[in-house]
Amino acid sequence: MKIVKIRLIAVFAACIFVNQVFAQDASPAPVDASDSDIQVQTPTQQVPVQQEQPVQAAAPVKKTVPAATKKDALFLYQNGDYAGAISVCENELAGDPTSVESYVVLCWSLLKNKQYAEAEQRASDGLKVSQYDLRLIEVFGEAKYYLGKNTAALEQFQKYVASAPESAARAGAAYYFMGEIYIRQARYQHADISLSAAVKKEPLLDRWWTRLGYAREMAGNYQESAAAYDEALRLNSASADAQSGKSRVTAKLQ
């Protein structure tokens, strides 16, 4: 009996030992924080985004614009203020000696202001900048015409009409000045041709018709001369030159 008790106690003790072992195996294994298979997610720190401030446009730089511009010079010229136009153009050329437009308006204004020598010089200066500018070629011829330089003036006008288009603004004037030069030179047939071209370009100028009548009269073409004087009187019945010319050729035709 005693032996049986001892055995039961031994069995009981063995069971207790086994249960303790199983209890230890069932406890969870500790987590190794360095395990590469475990991804530790940390909350993302929200960095406040600074809104971009709108860029303010720089204040426009105010350029100093001369009170008188090229357009002003032309306006002054067209309105008869030739001295004002001359002053404006000279100021422009002082700042930009290559401004062809300034030379052109300057020379036109000098001619209208009867400053012929200055017009000749400034036209020459302008042609050094732009030697083929037809406006400067024509005004160069006019300046020489008023200075009595007939051959040199004729050369410029011939150069102009040879290159200018049919619609050129100064074509009629160039032909007119050529006709006047031929009259000065007593080359009346040539004057007739040039002045006929002039009135064809600008048929409403009674003065040109009168000069055409005179050139024909001097050439002895009285019938054609009378027709030219008649046209001049139709445009301006008060023209004294046309009236006297018509009287002279009428007497020749009787």
Protein backbone atom coordinates (compact mmCIF):
# COMPACT_ATOMS: atom_id res chain seq x y z
CA MET A 1 0.00 0.00 0.00
CA LYS A 2 2.80 2.33 0.87
CA ILE A 3 4.50 1.52 -2.40
CA VAL A 4 1.36 2.40 -4.36
CA LYS A 5 1.13 5.83 -2.69
CA ILE A 6 4.74 6.53 -3.55
CA ARG A 7 4.08 5.70 -7.19
CA LEU A 8 0.99 7.91 -7.32
CA ILE A 9 2.92 10.80 -5.86
CA ALA A 10 5.63 10.27 -8.47
CA VAL A 11 3.09 10.23 -11.32
CA PHE A 12 1.40 13.35 -9.95
CA ALA A 13 4.70 15.17 -9.77
CA ALA A 14 5.55 14.13 -13.30
CA CYS A 15 2.25 15.54 -14.58
CA ILE A 16 2.88 18.83 -12.86
CA PHE A 17 6.32 19.06 -14.49
CA VAL A 18 4.93 18.34 -17.98
CA ASN A 19 2.23 21.00 -17.59
CA GLN A 20 4.80 23.60 -16.62
CA VAL A 21 6.92 22.76 -19.67
CA PHE A 22 3.92 23.10 -22.04
CA ALA A 23 2.93 26.34 -20.41
CA GLN A 24 6.41 27.79 -21.11
CA ASP A 25 6.35 26.66 -24.80
CA ALA A 26 2.96 28.29 -25.38
CA SER A 27 4.08 31.80 -24.25
CA PRO A 28 4.65 34.21 -27.18
CA ALA A 29 8.18 34.71 -28.44
CA PRO A 30 9.66 38.18 -27.87
CA VAL A 31 9.66 40.51 -30.91
CA ASP A 32 13.07 41.47 -32.21
CA ALA A 33 12.77 45.11 -33.21
CA SER A 34 15.69 44.70 -35.57
CA ASP A 35 13.95 42.05 -37.64
CA SER A 36 14.14 43.14 -41.28
CA ASP A 37 10.85 41.47 -42.12
CA ILE A 38 8.95 43.81 -39.83
CA GLN A 39 8.20 47.23 -41.24
CA VAL A 40 7.62 49.78 -38.58
CA GLN A 41 5.43 52.57 -39.97
CA THR A 42 5.87 55.92 -38.38
CA PRO A 43 3.29 58.60 -38.88
CA THR A 44 4.20 61.07 -41.65
CA GLN A 45 4.87 64.52 -40.31
CA GLN A 46 2.71 67.08 -42.07
CA VAL A 47 4.88 69.97 -43.14
CA PRO A 48 2.79 73.09 -43.65
CA VAL A 49 2.95 74.22 -47.27
CA GLN A 50 3.50 77.92 -47.66
CA GLN A 51 1.32 79.30 -50.40
CA GLU A 52 3.29 81.13 -53.04
CA GLN A 53 2.66 84.80 -52.89
CA PRO A 54 1.63 86.34 -56.21
CA VAL A 55 4.47 88.17 -57.87
CA GLN A 56 3.65 91.79 -58.23
CA ALA A 57 4.51 93.19 -61.62
CA ALA A 58 7.18 95.79 -61.52
CA ALA A 59 5.93 99.27 -62.07
CA PRO A 60 6.42 100.24 -65.73
CA VAL A 61 9.46 102.35 -66.30
CA LYS A 62 8.43 105.69 -67.62
CA LYS A 63 10.54 106.55 -70.59
CA THR A 64 11.30 110.12 -71.23
CA VAL A 65 9.73 110.82 -74.59
CA PRO A 66 10.67 114.05 -76.26
CA ALA A 67 7.75 116.40 -76.58
CA ALA A 68 8.32 116.49 -80.32
CA THR A 69 8.57 113.28 -82.26
CA LYS A 70 8.93 112.49 -85.95
CA LYS A 71 5.16 112.50 -86.31
CA ASP A 72 5.06 115.91 -84.68
CA ALA A 73 7.64 117.23 -87.15
CA LEU A 74 5.57 116.05 -90.09
CA PHE A 75 2.44 117.50 -88.49
CA LEU A 76 4.19 120.84 -88.05
CA TYR A 77 5.34 120.77 -91.66
CA GLN A 78 1.90 119.93 -92.98
CA ASN A 79 0.41 122.77 -90.96
CA GLY A 80 2.87 125.37 -92.20
CA ASP A 81 5.08 125.61 -89.11
CA TYR A 82 8.29 125.05 -91.05
CA ALA A 83 10.59 126.61 -88.44
CA GLY A 84 9.09 124.33 -85.77
CA ALA A 85 9.49 121.26 -87.98
CA ILE A 86 13.11 122.21 -88.69
CA SER A 87 13.85 122.51 -84.98
CA VAL A 88 12.28 119.14 -84.21
CA CYS A 89 14.15 117.35 -86.99
CA GLU A 90 17.48 118.89 -86.05
CA ASN A 91 16.97 117.69 -82.47
CA GLU A 92 16.16 114.21 -83.71
CA LEU A 93 19.24 114.11 -85.91
CA ALA A 94 21.40 115.25 -83.01
CA GLY A 95 20.27 112.10 -81.20
CA ASP A 96 20.25 109.82 -84.24
CA PRO A 97 22.28 111.02 -87.25
CA THR A 98 21.03 108.06 -89.31
CA SER A 99 17.32 108.93 -89.19
CA VAL A 100 16.35 109.16 -92.86
CA GLU A 101 12.80 110.25 -92.07
CA SER A 102 14.12 113.20 -90.11
CA TYR A 103 16.31 114.24 -93.03
CA VAL A 104 13.36 114.08 -95.42
CA VAL A 105 11.00 116.22 -93.33
CA LEU A 106 13.86 118.57 -92.49
CA CYS A 107 14.68 119.18 -96.16
CA TRP A 108 11.04 119.69 -97.11
CA SER A 109 10.70 122.23 -94.31
CA LEU A 110 13.92 124.04 -95.26
CA LEU A 111 12.69 124.41 -98.83
CA LYS A 112 9.33 125.77 -97.71
CA ASN A 113 11.19 128.17 -95.41
CA LYS A 114 13.32 129.25 -98.42
CA GLN A 115 16.52 128.07 -96.79
CA TYR A 116 17.79 126.58 -100.02
CA ALA A 117 21.49 126.31 -99.21
CA GLU A 118 20.71 124.54 -95.93
CA ALA A 119 18.29 122.23 -97.74
CA GLU A 120 20.97 121.33 -100.27
CA GLN A 121 23.48 120.56 -97.53
CA ARG A 122 21.10 118.51 -95.39
CA ALA A 123 19.85 116.57 -98.41
CA SER A 124 23.47 115.77 -99.24
CA ASP A 125 23.99 114.59 -95.65
CA GLY A 126 20.89 112.43 -95.84
CA LEU A 127 21.99 110.81 -99.09
CA LYS A 128 25.22 109.74 -97.40
CA VAL A 129 23.04 107.73 -95.05
CA SER A 130 20.65 106.41 -97.72
CA GLN A 131 21.94 107.12 -101.20
CA TYR A 132 18.95 105.63 -103.02
CA ASP A 133 16.18 107.35 -101.08
CA LEU A 134 14.06 108.87 -103.86
CA ARG A 135 12.58 111.54 -101.61
CA LEU A 136 16.03 112.88 -100.79
CA ILE A 137 17.08 112.70 -104.44
CA GLU A 138 14.08 114.77 -105.48
CA VAL A 139 14.43 117.36 -102.72
CA PHE A 140 18.16 117.60 -103.49
CA GLY A 141 17.18 118.53 -107.04
CA GLU A 142 14.72 121.15 -105.82
CA ALA A 143 17.32 122.77 -103.57
CA LYS A 144 19.75 123.00 -106.48
CA TYR A 145 16.99 124.35 -108.74
CA TYR A 146 16.25 127.24 -106.39
CA LEU A 147 19.98 127.94 -106.12
CA GLY A 148 20.18 128.25 -109.90
CA LYS A 149 22.27 125.10 -110.33
CA ASN A 150 20.30 124.00 -113.37
CA THR A 151 22.46 121.18 -114.73
CA ALA A 152 23.00 119.58 -111.33
CA ALA A 153 19.31 119.94 -110.49
CA LEU A 154 18.26 118.39 -113.80
CA GLU A 155 20.50 115.42 -113.11
CA GLN A 156 18.74 114.76 -109.79
CA PHE A 157 15.26 115.07 -111.30
CA GLN A 158 16.15 112.73 -114.15
CA LYS A 159 17.48 110.23 -111.64
CA TYR A 160 14.25 110.52 -109.67
CA VAL A 161 11.80 110.03 -112.55
CA ALA A 162 13.89 107.15 -113.91
CA SER A 163 13.47 105.18 -110.66
CA ALA A 164 10.21 106.42 -109.14
CA PRO A 165 7.02 104.40 -109.64
CA GLU A 166 4.17 105.94 -111.64
CA SER A 167 2.30 106.66 -108.43
CA ALA A 168 5.22 108.51 -106.80
CA ALA A 169 3.99 111.56 -104.91
CA ARG A 170 6.60 113.94 -106.33
CA ALA A 171 6.72 112.65 -109.90
CA GLY A 172 4.59 115.54 -111.20
CA ALA A 173 6.72 118.10 -109.37
CA ALA A 174 9.93 116.58 -110.74
CA TYR A 175 8.62 116.85 -114.30
CA TYR A 176 7.51 120.41 -113.63
CA PHE A 177 10.95 121.48 -112.38
CA MET A 178 12.57 119.77 -115.36
CA GLY A 179 10.29 121.79 -117.64
CA GLU A 180 11.24 125.01 -115.89
CA ILE A 181 14.94 124.21 -116.24
CA TYR A 182 14.49 123.56 -119.94
CA ILE A 183 12.73 126.91 -120.28
CA ARG A 184 15.70 128.57 -118.56
CA GLN A 185 17.95 126.86 -121.06
CA ALA A 186 15.70 127.87 -123.99
CA ARG A 187 15.10 124.18 -124.80
CA TYR A 188 11.41 124.66 -125.38
CA GLN A 189 10.60 121.37 -127.06
CA HIS A 190 12.11 119.56 -124.09
CA ALA A 191 10.15 121.86 -121.79
CA ASP A 192 6.95 120.98 -123.65
CA ILE A 193 7.59 117.25 -123.11
CA SER A 194 8.39 117.62 -119.42
CA LEU A 195 5.52 119.99 -118.62
CA SER A 196 3.07 117.81 -120.56
CA ALA A 197 4.12 114.92 -118.31
CA ALA A 198 3.68 117.17 -115.27
CA VAL A 199 0.08 118.20 -116.05
CA LYS A 200 -0.75 114.60 -116.86
CA LYS A 201 0.29 113.69 -113.32
CA GLU A 202 -1.47 116.66 -111.70
CA PRO A 203 -4.02 118.16 -114.07
CA LEU A 204 -5.61 120.63 -111.64
CA LEU A 205 -2.70 123.06 -111.26
CA ASP A 206 -3.39 126.10 -113.45
CA ARG A 207 0.16 127.40 -113.01
CA TRP A 208 1.57 124.31 -114.67
CA TRP A 209 -0.80 124.64 -117.62
CA THR A 210 0.23 128.26 -117.98
CA ARG A 211 3.92 127.31 -118.11
CA LEU A 212 3.15 124.59 -120.63
CA GLY A 213 1.38 127.19 -122.76
CA TYR A 214 4.42 129.43 -122.51
CA ALA A 215 6.87 126.66 -123.51
CA ARG A 216 4.73 125.85 -126.55
CA GLU A 217 4.42 129.54 -127.39
CA MET A 218 8.22 129.94 -127.30
CA ALA A 219 8.57 126.87 -129.50
CA GLY A 220 6.17 128.39 -132.05
CA ASN A 221 3.44 125.81 -131.43
CA TYR A 222 0.68 128.40 -131.10
CA GLN A 223 -2.34 126.16 -131.49
CA GLU A 224 -1.16 123.81 -128.76
CA SER A 225 -0.12 126.81 -126.70
CA ALA A 226 -3.62 128.30 -126.90
CA ALA A 227 -5.12 124.98 -125.76
CA ALA A 228 -2.84 124.95 -122.70
CA TYR A 229 -3.70 128.56 -121.84
CA ASP A 230 -7.39 127.78 -122.20
CA GLU A 231 -7.09 124.93 -119.70
CA ALA A 232 -5.27 127.21 -117.28
CA LEU A 233 -8.07 129.78 -117.56
CA ARG A 234 -10.71 127.10 -117.10
CA LEU A 235 -9.07 126.20 -113.79
CA ASN A 236 -8.41 129.82 -112.79
CA SER A 237 -10.07 132.48 -114.88
CA ALA A 238 -8.26 135.20 -112.89
CA SER A 239 -4.77 134.03 -113.91
CA ALA A 240 -3.10 137.13 -115.39
CA ASP A 241 -0.27 135.10 -116.96
CA ALA A 242 -2.69 132.77 -118.71
CA GLN A 243 -4.81 135.72 -119.95
CA SER A 244 -1.84 137.57 -121.44
CA GLY A 245 -0.43 134.39 -122.93
CA LYS A 246 -3.74 133.55 -124.56
CA SER A 247 -3.93 137.08 -126.02
CA ARG A 248 -0.44 136.77 -127.53
CA VAL A 249 -0.97 133.42 -129.21
CA THR A 250 -4.44 134.45 -130.43
CA ALA A 251 -2.82 137.38 -132.18
CA LYS A 252 -0.26 135.02 -133.74
CA LEU A 253 -3.01 132.73 -135.02
CA GLN A 254 -4.97 135.53 -136.77
